[in-house]
Amino acid sequence: GVHAILSFCTGYMLYDSVVGYVLETWVPGVGPVLSGEHWNYLGHHVLCGLCMLSARIMGCGQSAAMVMMFTGEFTAPLMNLQLIFEKSLEMKDCCGSDLAWVRLAAQFINQVFSVLYCEFRIFIGPMCAAHLTWDLFGTTEGRRDMPIWLSLSWMPMIWGVLIGSIPQIFVCVDILKQGMQLENNTGEL
């Protein structure tokens, strides 16, 4: 059971890396063109994958890895919905971008995603990481159950992912500041 969950999460990280950063940034004749933001997200996936892999190899830390995976990826389905709506709006007439409900649904998804992302990345994720840090270094059980070298390698990865999400937090805060843009009488947003 534990190995299956860790394998699933590792597979998800690989999938999300390919779909989100290779295909999304693909330039015909050139290949993927990654910006600083993309490298940051790709680094997030590498670090998460390393945590999953080390938990499987060492046979410890699985619960901690799953808690951090849950807090970090809780908003992923909404992020995928954002991508779907973004692409449908870019495709103009073929995908309903002329329909007011599609534009409003896209805004609604952005708002909900932004609230949840901020909640998880500002409050819940750091609280879980702080608890994990205390558990691994401040308790007898933590030091007994997980090798110190593994704890020392996990902490920069876990906190690095959280710190690396700060630019996206600012994007989400800006989205929340803008609020929903209601349509006027012409049907335009």
N, C-alpha and C. Protein backbone atom coordinates (compact mmCIF):
# COMPACT_ATOMS: atom_id res chain seq x y z
N GLY A 1 0.78 -1.18 0.00
CA GLY A 1 0.00 0.00 0.00
C GLY A 1 0.84 1.27 0.00
N VAL A 2 1.82 1.34 0.92
CA VAL A 2 2.62 2.56 1.02
C VAL A 2 3.41 2.78 -0.25
N HIS A 3 4.02 1.72 -0.78
CA HIS A 3 4.81 1.86 -2.00
C HIS A 3 3.94 2.28 -3.18
N ALA A 4 2.70 1.78 -3.21
CA ALA A 4 1.80 2.15 -4.30
C ALA A 4 1.49 3.65 -4.25
N ILE A 5 1.22 4.16 -3.07
CA ILE A 5 0.91 5.60 -2.94
C ILE A 5 2.12 6.44 -3.30
N LEU A 6 3.30 6.05 -2.82
CA LEU A 6 4.51 6.79 -3.14
C LEU A 6 4.81 6.72 -4.64
N SER A 7 4.58 5.57 -5.25
CA SER A 7 4.79 5.44 -6.70
C SER A 7 3.81 6.30 -7.46
N PHE A 8 2.55 6.32 -7.02
CA PHE A 8 1.54 7.15 -7.66
C PHE A 8 1.94 8.62 -7.61
N CYS A 9 2.39 9.07 -6.43
CA CYS A 9 2.79 10.48 -6.27
C CYS A 9 4.01 10.81 -7.12
N THR A 10 4.96 9.89 -7.20
CA THR A 10 6.14 10.11 -8.04
C THR A 10 5.72 10.19 -9.51
N GLY A 11 4.82 9.30 -9.91
CA GLY A 11 4.31 9.33 -11.28
C GLY A 11 3.58 10.62 -11.58
N TYR A 12 2.81 11.10 -10.61
CA TYR A 12 2.11 12.38 -10.79
C TYR A 12 3.11 13.51 -10.98
N MET A 13 4.18 13.51 -10.22
CA MET A 13 5.20 14.56 -10.35
C MET A 13 5.81 14.53 -11.76
N LEU A 14 6.09 13.33 -12.27
CA LEU A 14 6.63 13.21 -13.63
C LEU A 14 5.61 13.71 -14.66
N TYR A 15 4.37 13.26 -14.52
CA TYR A 15 3.31 13.69 -15.44
C TYR A 15 3.17 15.21 -15.43
N ASP A 16 3.08 15.78 -14.23
CA ASP A 16 2.87 17.22 -14.11
C ASP A 16 4.04 18.00 -14.68
N SER A 17 5.24 17.46 -14.53
CA SER A 17 6.43 18.11 -15.10
C SER A 17 6.35 18.14 -16.62
N VAL A 18 5.98 17.00 -17.20
CA VAL A 18 5.93 16.92 -18.66
C VAL A 18 4.79 17.77 -19.21
N VAL A 19 3.58 17.61 -18.65
CA VAL A 19 2.43 18.34 -19.16
C VAL A 19 2.57 19.83 -18.88
N GLY A 20 2.94 20.18 -17.65
CA GLY A 20 2.95 21.57 -17.25
C GLY A 20 4.12 22.38 -17.77
N TYR A 21 5.24 21.73 -18.00
CA TYR A 21 6.43 22.53 -18.30
C TYR A 21 7.12 22.18 -19.60
N VAL A 22 6.96 20.98 -20.06
CA VAL A 22 7.56 20.65 -21.34
C VAL A 22 6.56 20.96 -22.46
N LEU A 23 5.37 20.37 -22.39
CA LEU A 23 4.36 20.60 -23.43
C LEU A 23 3.88 22.05 -23.43
N GLU A 24 3.70 22.62 -22.26
CA GLU A 24 3.18 23.98 -22.15
C GLU A 24 4.15 25.02 -22.72
N THR A 25 5.44 24.73 -22.66
CA THR A 25 6.43 25.71 -23.12
C THR A 25 7.07 25.31 -24.45
N TRP A 26 6.49 24.32 -25.12
CA TRP A 26 7.07 23.80 -26.36
C TRP A 26 6.99 24.84 -27.48
N VAL A 27 8.12 25.09 -28.12
CA VAL A 27 8.18 25.97 -29.28
C VAL A 27 8.58 25.09 -30.47
N PRO A 28 7.73 25.01 -31.51
CA PRO A 28 8.04 24.15 -32.66
C PRO A 28 9.42 24.47 -33.25
N GLY A 29 10.18 23.43 -33.49
CA GLY A 29 11.51 23.59 -34.07
C GLY A 29 12.59 23.93 -33.05
N VAL A 30 12.18 24.25 -31.81
CA VAL A 30 13.14 24.62 -30.77
C VAL A 30 13.09 23.64 -29.61
N GLY A 31 11.87 23.27 -29.20
CA GLY A 31 11.69 22.43 -28.02
C GLY A 31 11.14 23.27 -26.87
N PRO A 32 11.22 22.75 -25.65
CA PRO A 32 10.70 23.52 -24.52
C PRO A 32 11.59 24.73 -24.22
N VAL A 33 10.97 25.86 -24.01
CA VAL A 33 11.68 27.09 -23.66
C VAL A 33 11.21 27.46 -22.26
N LEU A 34 12.06 27.22 -21.29
CA LEU A 34 11.68 27.42 -19.89
C LEU A 34 12.19 28.76 -19.37
N SER A 35 11.30 29.47 -18.67
CA SER A 35 11.69 30.73 -18.02
C SER A 35 12.08 30.43 -16.58
N GLY A 36 12.45 31.46 -15.84
CA GLY A 36 12.81 31.29 -14.44
C GLY A 36 11.70 30.66 -13.62
N GLU A 37 10.45 31.08 -13.89
CA GLU A 37 9.30 30.53 -13.18
C GLU A 37 9.16 29.03 -13.45
N HIS A 38 9.39 28.63 -14.70
CA HIS A 38 9.27 27.21 -15.05
C HIS A 38 10.35 26.38 -14.36
N TRP A 39 11.56 26.93 -14.28
CA TRP A 39 12.64 26.20 -13.61
C TRP A 39 12.31 26.02 -12.13
N ASN A 40 11.68 27.03 -11.55
CA ASN A 40 11.27 26.95 -10.15
C ASN A 40 10.27 25.82 -9.95
N TYR A 41 9.26 25.76 -10.82
CA TYR A 41 8.26 24.70 -10.72
C TYR A 41 8.87 23.33 -11.01
N LEU A 42 9.74 23.26 -11.97
CA LEU A 42 10.40 22.00 -12.28
C LEU A 42 11.23 21.54 -11.08
N GLY A 43 11.91 22.49 -10.42
CA GLY A 43 12.67 22.17 -9.21
C GLY A 43 11.76 21.63 -8.12
N HIS A 44 10.58 22.19 -7.99
CA HIS A 44 9.58 21.72 -7.02
C HIS A 44 9.26 20.25 -7.27
N HIS A 45 9.08 19.89 -8.52
CA HIS A 45 8.75 18.51 -8.86
C HIS A 45 9.93 17.57 -8.61
N VAL A 46 11.13 18.02 -8.90
CA VAL A 46 12.32 17.20 -8.63
C VAL A 46 12.46 16.96 -7.13
N LEU A 47 12.31 18.01 -6.33
CA LEU A 47 12.45 17.87 -4.88
C LEU A 47 11.38 16.95 -4.30
N CYS A 48 10.14 17.09 -4.75
CA CYS A 48 9.07 16.21 -4.27
C CYS A 48 9.35 14.76 -4.66
N GLY A 49 9.81 14.57 -5.89
CA GLY A 49 10.16 13.22 -6.34
C GLY A 49 11.28 12.62 -5.51
N LEU A 50 12.26 13.42 -5.14
CA LEU A 50 13.36 12.92 -4.30
C LEU A 50 12.86 12.53 -2.91
N CYS A 51 11.95 13.30 -2.35
CA CYS A 51 11.38 12.93 -1.05
C CYS A 51 10.64 11.60 -1.15
N MET A 52 9.83 11.43 -2.20
CA MET A 52 9.09 10.18 -2.38
C MET A 52 10.05 9.00 -2.55
N LEU A 53 11.06 9.20 -3.38
CA LEU A 53 12.02 8.13 -3.65
C LEU A 53 12.79 7.75 -2.39
N SER A 54 13.25 8.74 -1.63
CA SER A 54 14.01 8.43 -0.42
C SER A 54 13.14 7.74 0.62
N ALA A 55 11.86 8.11 0.72
CA ALA A 55 10.95 7.44 1.66
C ALA A 55 10.78 5.98 1.27
N ARG A 56 10.69 5.71 -0.01
CA ARG A 56 10.56 4.31 -0.46
C ARG A 56 11.82 3.52 -0.18
N ILE A 57 12.97 4.09 -0.50
CA ILE A 57 14.24 3.38 -0.33
C ILE A 57 14.53 3.11 1.14
N MET A 58 14.32 4.13 1.98
CA MET A 58 14.66 4.00 3.40
C MET A 58 13.57 3.32 4.22
N GLY A 59 12.37 3.26 3.69
CA GLY A 59 11.28 2.61 4.43
C GLY A 59 10.81 3.42 5.62
N CYS A 60 11.01 4.72 5.60
CA CYS A 60 10.54 5.58 6.69
C CYS A 60 10.17 6.95 6.13
N GLY A 61 9.36 7.67 6.87
CA GLY A 61 8.97 9.01 6.46
C GLY A 61 7.80 9.06 5.49
N GLN A 62 7.14 7.92 5.28
CA GLN A 62 6.05 7.90 4.31
C GLN A 62 4.90 8.82 4.71
N SER A 63 4.52 8.81 5.98
CA SER A 63 3.42 9.66 6.43
C SER A 63 3.76 11.14 6.25
N ALA A 64 4.98 11.49 6.60
CA ALA A 64 5.41 12.88 6.44
C ALA A 64 5.38 13.28 4.97
N ALA A 65 5.86 12.39 4.11
CA ALA A 65 5.87 12.68 2.67
C ALA A 65 4.45 12.87 2.15
N MET A 66 3.52 12.04 2.63
CA MET A 66 2.14 12.15 2.17
C MET A 66 1.46 13.42 2.68
N VAL A 67 1.75 13.81 3.91
CA VAL A 67 1.16 15.06 4.43
C VAL A 67 1.65 16.24 3.61
N MET A 68 2.94 16.29 3.33
CA MET A 68 3.48 17.41 2.56
C MET A 68 2.97 17.36 1.12
N MET A 69 2.81 16.17 0.57
CA MET A 69 2.27 16.04 -0.78
C MET A 69 0.82 16.54 -0.81
N PHE A 70 0.05 16.17 0.21
CA PHE A 70 -1.34 16.62 0.28
C PHE A 70 -1.42 18.14 0.36
N THR A 71 -0.65 18.73 1.25
CA THR A 71 -0.73 20.19 1.40
C THR A 71 -0.19 20.91 0.17
N GLY A 72 0.77 20.31 -0.51
CA GLY A 72 1.36 20.95 -1.68
C GLY A 72 0.55 20.79 -2.94
N GLU A 73 -0.15 19.69 -3.07
CA GLU A 73 -0.85 19.40 -4.33
C GLU A 73 -2.38 19.45 -4.21
N PHE A 74 -2.89 19.91 -3.09
CA PHE A 74 -4.33 19.98 -2.89
C PHE A 74 -5.00 20.81 -3.98
N THR A 75 -4.34 21.85 -4.42
CA THR A 75 -4.94 22.76 -5.41
C THR A 75 -4.67 22.34 -6.86
N ALA A 76 -3.97 21.24 -7.07
CA ALA A 76 -3.62 20.82 -8.43
C ALA A 76 -4.84 20.61 -9.34
N PRO A 77 -5.94 20.00 -8.88
CA PRO A 77 -7.09 19.87 -9.79
C PRO A 77 -7.62 21.23 -10.26
N LEU A 78 -7.64 22.21 -9.35
CA LEU A 78 -8.09 23.54 -9.76
C LEU A 78 -7.11 24.18 -10.72
N MET A 79 -5.81 23.93 -10.53
CA MET A 79 -4.81 24.47 -11.45
C MET A 79 -5.01 23.86 -12.85
N ASN A 80 -5.36 22.57 -12.89
CA ASN A 80 -5.64 21.94 -14.18
C ASN A 80 -6.89 22.52 -14.83
N LEU A 81 -7.91 22.81 -14.01
CA LEU A 81 -9.11 23.48 -14.55
C LEU A 81 -8.77 24.86 -15.09
N GLN A 82 -7.90 25.59 -14.38
CA GLN A 82 -7.45 26.89 -14.87
C GLN A 82 -6.84 26.75 -16.26
N LEU A 83 -5.98 25.75 -16.44
CA LEU A 83 -5.33 25.53 -17.72
C LEU A 83 -6.36 25.23 -18.81
N ILE A 84 -7.35 24.41 -18.50
CA ILE A 84 -8.39 24.08 -19.48
C ILE A 84 -9.15 25.34 -19.91
N PHE A 85 -9.56 26.13 -18.94
CA PHE A 85 -10.30 27.36 -19.26
C PHE A 85 -9.41 28.35 -20.00
N GLU A 86 -8.16 28.47 -19.57
CA GLU A 86 -7.23 29.39 -20.25
C GLU A 86 -7.08 29.01 -21.72
N LYS A 87 -6.90 27.72 -21.99
CA LYS A 87 -6.74 27.27 -23.38
C LYS A 87 -8.03 27.46 -24.17
N SER A 88 -9.18 27.20 -23.53
CA SER A 88 -10.44 27.38 -24.28
C SER A 88 -10.67 28.85 -24.60
N LEU A 89 -10.28 29.75 -23.71
CA LEU A 89 -10.43 31.18 -23.99
C LEU A 89 -9.46 31.64 -25.08
N GLU A 90 -8.27 31.04 -25.14
CA GLU A 90 -7.29 31.38 -26.18
C GLU A 90 -7.75 30.91 -27.56
N MET A 91 -8.55 29.84 -27.62
CA MET A 91 -8.98 29.26 -28.89
C MET A 91 -10.17 29.98 -29.50
N LYS A 92 -10.62 31.00 -28.86
CA LYS A 92 -11.70 31.86 -29.34
C LYS A 92 -12.98 31.09 -29.62
N ASP A 93 -13.52 31.21 -30.84
CA ASP A 93 -14.86 30.73 -31.17
C ASP A 93 -15.05 29.23 -31.01
N CYS A 94 -14.02 28.44 -31.22
CA CYS A 94 -14.22 26.99 -31.22
C CYS A 94 -14.51 26.42 -29.84
N CYS A 95 -14.15 27.11 -28.79
CA CYS A 95 -14.23 26.52 -27.45
C CYS A 95 -15.07 27.31 -26.47
N GLY A 96 -15.96 28.13 -26.96
CA GLY A 96 -16.90 28.82 -26.10
C GLY A 96 -16.42 30.10 -25.46
N SER A 97 -15.32 30.66 -25.95
CA SER A 97 -14.83 31.89 -25.32
C SER A 97 -15.80 33.05 -25.52
N ASP A 98 -16.73 32.90 -26.48
CA ASP A 98 -17.72 33.95 -26.70
C ASP A 98 -18.89 33.85 -25.72
N LEU A 99 -18.92 32.79 -24.92
CA LEU A 99 -20.00 32.60 -23.96
C LEU A 99 -19.62 33.23 -22.61
N ALA A 100 -20.52 34.03 -22.10
CA ALA A 100 -20.26 34.74 -20.84
C ALA A 100 -19.99 33.77 -19.70
N TRP A 101 -20.71 32.63 -19.66
CA TRP A 101 -20.54 31.71 -18.54
C TRP A 101 -19.15 31.09 -18.54
N VAL A 102 -18.55 30.91 -19.72
CA VAL A 102 -17.20 30.35 -19.78
C VAL A 102 -16.21 31.34 -19.18
N ARG A 103 -16.35 32.59 -19.52
CA ARG A 103 -15.45 33.61 -18.97
C ARG A 103 -15.65 33.78 -17.47
N LEU A 104 -16.90 33.74 -17.01
CA LEU A 104 -17.17 33.85 -15.58
C LEU A 104 -16.68 32.62 -14.82
N ALA A 105 -16.86 31.45 -15.42
CA ALA A 105 -16.37 30.22 -14.77
C ALA A 105 -14.85 30.25 -14.65
N ALA A 106 -14.18 30.77 -15.67
CA ALA A 106 -12.72 30.88 -15.61
C ALA A 106 -12.30 31.81 -14.47
N GLN A 107 -13.00 32.92 -14.32
CA GLN A 107 -12.69 33.85 -13.22
C GLN A 107 -12.97 33.21 -11.87
N PHE A 108 -14.09 32.49 -11.78
CA PHE A 108 -14.46 31.83 -10.52
C PHE A 108 -13.40 30.81 -10.12
N ILE A 109 -12.96 30.00 -11.08
CA ILE A 109 -11.91 29.00 -10.80
C ILE A 109 -10.65 29.71 -10.34
N ASN A 110 -10.28 30.81 -10.99
CA ASN A 110 -9.09 31.57 -10.57
C ASN A 110 -9.23 32.06 -9.13
N GLN A 111 -10.41 32.55 -8.77
CA GLN A 111 -10.62 33.06 -7.42
C GLN A 111 -10.54 31.93 -6.39
N VAL A 112 -11.22 30.83 -6.65
CA VAL A 112 -11.22 29.70 -5.71
C VAL A 112 -9.81 29.13 -5.58
N PHE A 113 -9.14 28.94 -6.71
CA PHE A 113 -7.77 28.45 -6.67
C PHE A 113 -6.89 29.37 -5.83
N SER A 114 -7.00 30.66 -6.04
CA SER A 114 -6.14 31.62 -5.35
C SER A 114 -6.37 31.60 -3.84
N VAL A 115 -7.63 31.51 -3.42
CA VAL A 115 -7.92 31.43 -1.98
C VAL A 115 -7.30 30.18 -1.39
N LEU A 116 -7.54 29.04 -2.03
CA LEU A 116 -7.02 27.78 -1.49
C LEU A 116 -5.50 27.70 -1.55
N TYR A 117 -4.91 28.19 -2.64
CA TYR A 117 -3.45 28.16 -2.76
C TYR A 117 -2.81 28.98 -1.64
N CYS A 118 -3.34 30.17 -1.42
CA CYS A 118 -2.79 31.01 -0.35
C CYS A 118 -2.98 30.35 1.01
N GLU A 119 -4.15 29.78 1.24
CA GLU A 119 -4.42 29.12 2.52
C GLU A 119 -3.43 27.97 2.76
N PHE A 120 -3.22 27.16 1.74
CA PHE A 120 -2.34 26.00 1.90
C PHE A 120 -0.87 26.39 1.92
N ARG A 121 -0.47 27.36 1.10
CA ARG A 121 0.95 27.71 1.02
C ARG A 121 1.41 28.71 2.06
N ILE A 122 0.48 29.49 2.61
CA ILE A 122 0.86 30.46 3.64
C ILE A 122 0.67 29.89 5.04
N PHE A 123 -0.38 29.11 5.25
CA PHE A 123 -0.71 28.65 6.60
C PHE A 123 -0.52 27.14 6.80
N ILE A 124 -1.29 26.34 6.09
CA ILE A 124 -1.33 24.91 6.36
C ILE A 124 0.01 24.23 6.05
N GLY A 125 0.58 24.47 4.87
CA GLY A 125 1.85 23.84 4.51
C GLY A 125 2.98 24.19 5.47
N PRO A 126 3.20 25.47 5.76
CA PRO A 126 4.25 25.81 6.72
C PRO A 126 4.01 25.25 8.12
N MET A 127 2.74 25.19 8.57
CA MET A 127 2.48 24.60 9.88
C MET A 127 2.82 23.11 9.89
N CYS A 128 2.48 22.41 8.81
CA CYS A 128 2.84 20.99 8.72
C CYS A 128 4.35 20.81 8.64
N ALA A 129 5.02 21.66 7.87
CA ALA A 129 6.48 21.58 7.76
C ALA A 129 7.15 21.89 9.09
N ALA A 130 6.62 22.86 9.83
CA ALA A 130 7.18 23.18 11.15
C ALA A 130 6.99 22.01 12.11
N HIS A 131 5.81 21.40 12.06
CA HIS A 131 5.56 20.23 12.91
C HIS A 131 6.50 19.09 12.55
N LEU A 132 6.67 18.87 11.26
CA LEU A 132 7.57 17.81 10.80
C LEU A 132 9.02 18.11 11.22
N THR A 133 9.44 19.35 11.09
CA THR A 133 10.78 19.73 11.50
C THR A 133 10.97 19.44 12.99
N TRP A 134 10.00 19.85 13.80
CA TRP A 134 10.07 19.58 15.24
C TRP A 134 10.09 18.07 15.50
N ASP A 135 9.21 17.34 14.83
CA ASP A 135 9.12 15.90 15.07
C ASP A 135 10.44 15.20 14.73
N LEU A 136 11.07 15.59 13.63
CA LEU A 136 12.30 14.90 13.21
C LEU A 136 13.51 15.29 14.04
N PHE A 137 13.55 16.52 14.51
CA PHE A 137 14.74 16.98 15.24
C PHE A 137 14.52 17.18 16.74
N GLY A 138 13.28 17.37 17.15
CA GLY A 138 13.03 17.70 18.55
C GLY A 138 12.44 16.59 19.39
N THR A 139 12.15 15.45 18.77
CA THR A 139 11.58 14.36 19.55
C THR A 139 12.48 13.12 19.45
N THR A 140 12.45 12.33 20.49
CA THR A 140 13.23 11.08 20.51
C THR A 140 12.76 10.14 19.41
N GLU A 141 11.43 10.07 19.21
CA GLU A 141 10.89 9.17 18.18
C GLU A 141 11.34 9.58 16.79
N GLY A 142 11.32 10.87 16.52
CA GLY A 142 11.73 11.36 15.20
C GLY A 142 13.18 11.04 14.91
N ARG A 143 14.02 11.25 15.90
CA ARG A 143 15.46 10.96 15.69
C ARG A 143 15.71 9.46 15.61
N ARG A 144 14.86 8.66 16.28
CA ARG A 144 15.01 7.21 16.25
C ARG A 144 14.49 6.61 14.94
N ASP A 145 13.35 7.12 14.46
CA ASP A 145 12.67 6.51 13.31
C ASP A 145 13.23 6.91 11.95
N MET A 146 13.95 8.02 11.90
CA MET A 146 14.44 8.49 10.60
C MET A 146 15.91 8.86 10.75
N PRO A 147 16.74 8.35 9.86
CA PRO A 147 18.17 8.68 9.95
C PRO A 147 18.38 10.20 9.86
N ILE A 148 19.30 10.70 10.66
CA ILE A 148 19.53 12.14 10.73
C ILE A 148 19.92 12.71 9.36
N TRP A 149 20.70 11.95 8.58
CA TRP A 149 21.11 12.46 7.27
C TRP A 149 19.90 12.63 6.35
N LEU A 150 18.90 11.75 6.51
CA LEU A 150 17.69 11.87 5.69
C LEU A 150 16.86 13.07 6.15
N SER A 151 16.75 13.24 7.46
CA SER A 151 16.04 14.41 7.98
C SER A 151 16.71 15.70 7.52
N LEU A 152 18.03 15.73 7.56
CA LEU A 152 18.77 16.92 7.14
C LEU A 152 18.61 17.18 5.64
N SER A 153 18.44 16.13 4.86
CA SER A 153 18.26 16.34 3.41
C SER A 153 16.81 16.72 3.09
N TRP A 154 15.86 16.23 3.87
CA TRP A 154 14.47 16.56 3.63
C TRP A 154 14.13 18.00 3.94
N MET A 155 14.66 18.53 5.02
CA MET A 155 14.27 19.87 5.45
C MET A 155 14.51 20.94 4.38
N PRO A 156 15.68 21.00 3.74
CA PRO A 156 15.83 22.00 2.67
C PRO A 156 14.87 21.75 1.50
N MET A 157 14.58 20.47 1.21
CA MET A 157 13.65 20.19 0.12
C MET A 157 12.25 20.66 0.47
N ILE A 158 11.77 20.32 1.66
CA ILE A 158 10.41 20.68 2.06
C ILE A 158 10.25 22.20 2.18
N TRP A 159 11.17 22.82 2.90
CA TRP A 159 11.09 24.27 3.05
C TRP A 159 11.39 24.99 1.74
N GLY A 160 12.24 24.40 0.90
CA GLY A 160 12.54 24.99 -0.40
C GLY A 160 11.32 25.04 -1.30
N VAL A 161 10.52 23.97 -1.27
CA VAL A 161 9.29 23.96 -2.06
C VAL A 161 8.34 25.05 -1.56
N LEU A 162 8.21 25.18 -0.26
CA LEU A 162 7.32 26.21 0.30
C LEU A 162 7.82 27.62 -0.03
N ILE A 163 9.10 27.84 0.14
CA ILE A 163 9.66 29.16 -0.18
C ILE A 163 9.58 29.44 -1.68
N GLY A 164 9.79 28.39 -2.47
CA GLY A 164 9.70 28.55 -3.92
C GLY A 164 8.31 28.90 -4.42
N SER A 165 7.30 28.70 -3.58
CA SER A 165 5.93 29.03 -4.00
C SER A 165 5.57 30.49 -3.74
N ILE A 166 6.47 31.24 -3.14
CA ILE A 166 6.17 32.66 -2.83
C ILE A 166 5.79 33.47 -4.06
N PRO A 167 6.49 33.35 -5.20
CA PRO A 167 6.04 34.13 -6.38
C PRO A 167 4.60 33.81 -6.80
N GLN A 168 4.20 32.54 -6.73
CA GLN A 168 2.83 32.17 -7.09
C GLN A 168 1.84 32.72 -6.06
N ILE A 169 2.25 32.80 -4.80
CA ILE A 169 1.39 33.40 -3.78
C ILE A 169 1.08 34.84 -4.15
N PHE A 170 2.10 35.58 -4.59
CA PHE A 170 1.88 36.98 -4.99
C PHE A 170 0.94 37.07 -6.19
N VAL A 171 1.06 36.15 -7.14
CA VAL A 171 0.15 36.12 -8.29
C VAL A 171 -1.28 35.90 -7.80
N CYS A 172 -1.44 34.95 -6.88
CA CYS A 172 -2.78 34.65 -6.35
C CYS A 172 -3.34 35.84 -5.57
N VAL A 173 -2.53 36.51 -4.80
CA VAL A 173 -2.99 37.69 -4.07
C VAL A 173 -3.46 38.76 -5.06
N ASP A 174 -2.73 38.95 -6.14
CA ASP A 174 -3.15 39.92 -7.17
C ASP A 174 -4.48 39.53 -7.80
N ILE A 175 -4.67 38.24 -8.06
CA ILE A 175 -5.94 37.76 -8.61
C ILE A 175 -7.08 38.06 -7.64
N LEU A 176 -6.83 37.82 -6.35
CA LEU A 176 -7.86 38.09 -5.35
C LEU A 176 -8.16 39.58 -5.22
N LYS A 177 -7.14 40.41 -5.36
CA LYS A 177 -7.35 41.86 -5.29
C LYS A 177 -8.24 42.34 -6.44
N GLN A 178 -8.07 41.73 -7.62
CA GLN A 178 -8.86 42.14 -8.79
C GLN A 178 -10.31 41.74 -8.64
N GLY A 179 -10.57 40.63 -7.96
CA GLY A 179 -11.93 40.15 -7.78
C GLY A 179 -12.55 39.68 -9.08
N MET A 180 -13.85 39.42 -9.02
CA MET A 180 -14.60 38.99 -10.20
C MET A 180 -14.97 40.22 -11.02
N GLN A 181 -14.78 40.13 -12.31
CA GLN A 181 -15.15 41.21 -13.23
C GLN A 181 -16.49 40.85 -13.86
N LEU A 182 -17.56 41.48 -13.38
CA LEU A 182 -18.89 41.18 -13.90
C LEU A 182 -19.08 41.82 -15.26
N GLU A 183 -19.95 41.21 -16.05
CA GLU A 183 -20.18 41.70 -17.41
C GLU A 183 -21.07 42.93 -17.42
N ASN A 184 -20.83 43.76 -18.44
CA ASN A 184 -21.73 44.91 -18.63
C ASN A 184 -22.86 44.51 -19.59
N ASN A 185 -23.67 45.47 -20.03
CA ASN A 185 -24.83 45.17 -20.88
C ASN A 185 -24.45 44.63 -22.24
N THR A 186 -23.22 44.80 -22.69
CA THR A 186 -22.82 44.33 -24.03
C THR A 186 -22.43 42.87 -24.01
N GLY A 187 -22.40 42.25 -22.83
CA GLY A 187 -21.99 40.85 -22.76
C GLY A 187 -20.48 40.67 -22.63
N GLU A 188 -19.78 41.79 -22.50
CA GLU A 188 -18.32 41.71 -22.36
C GLU A 188 -17.93 41.82 -20.90
N LEU A 189 -16.81 41.23 -20.57
CA LEU A 189 -16.32 41.31 -19.19
C LEU A 189 -15.64 42.62 -18.95
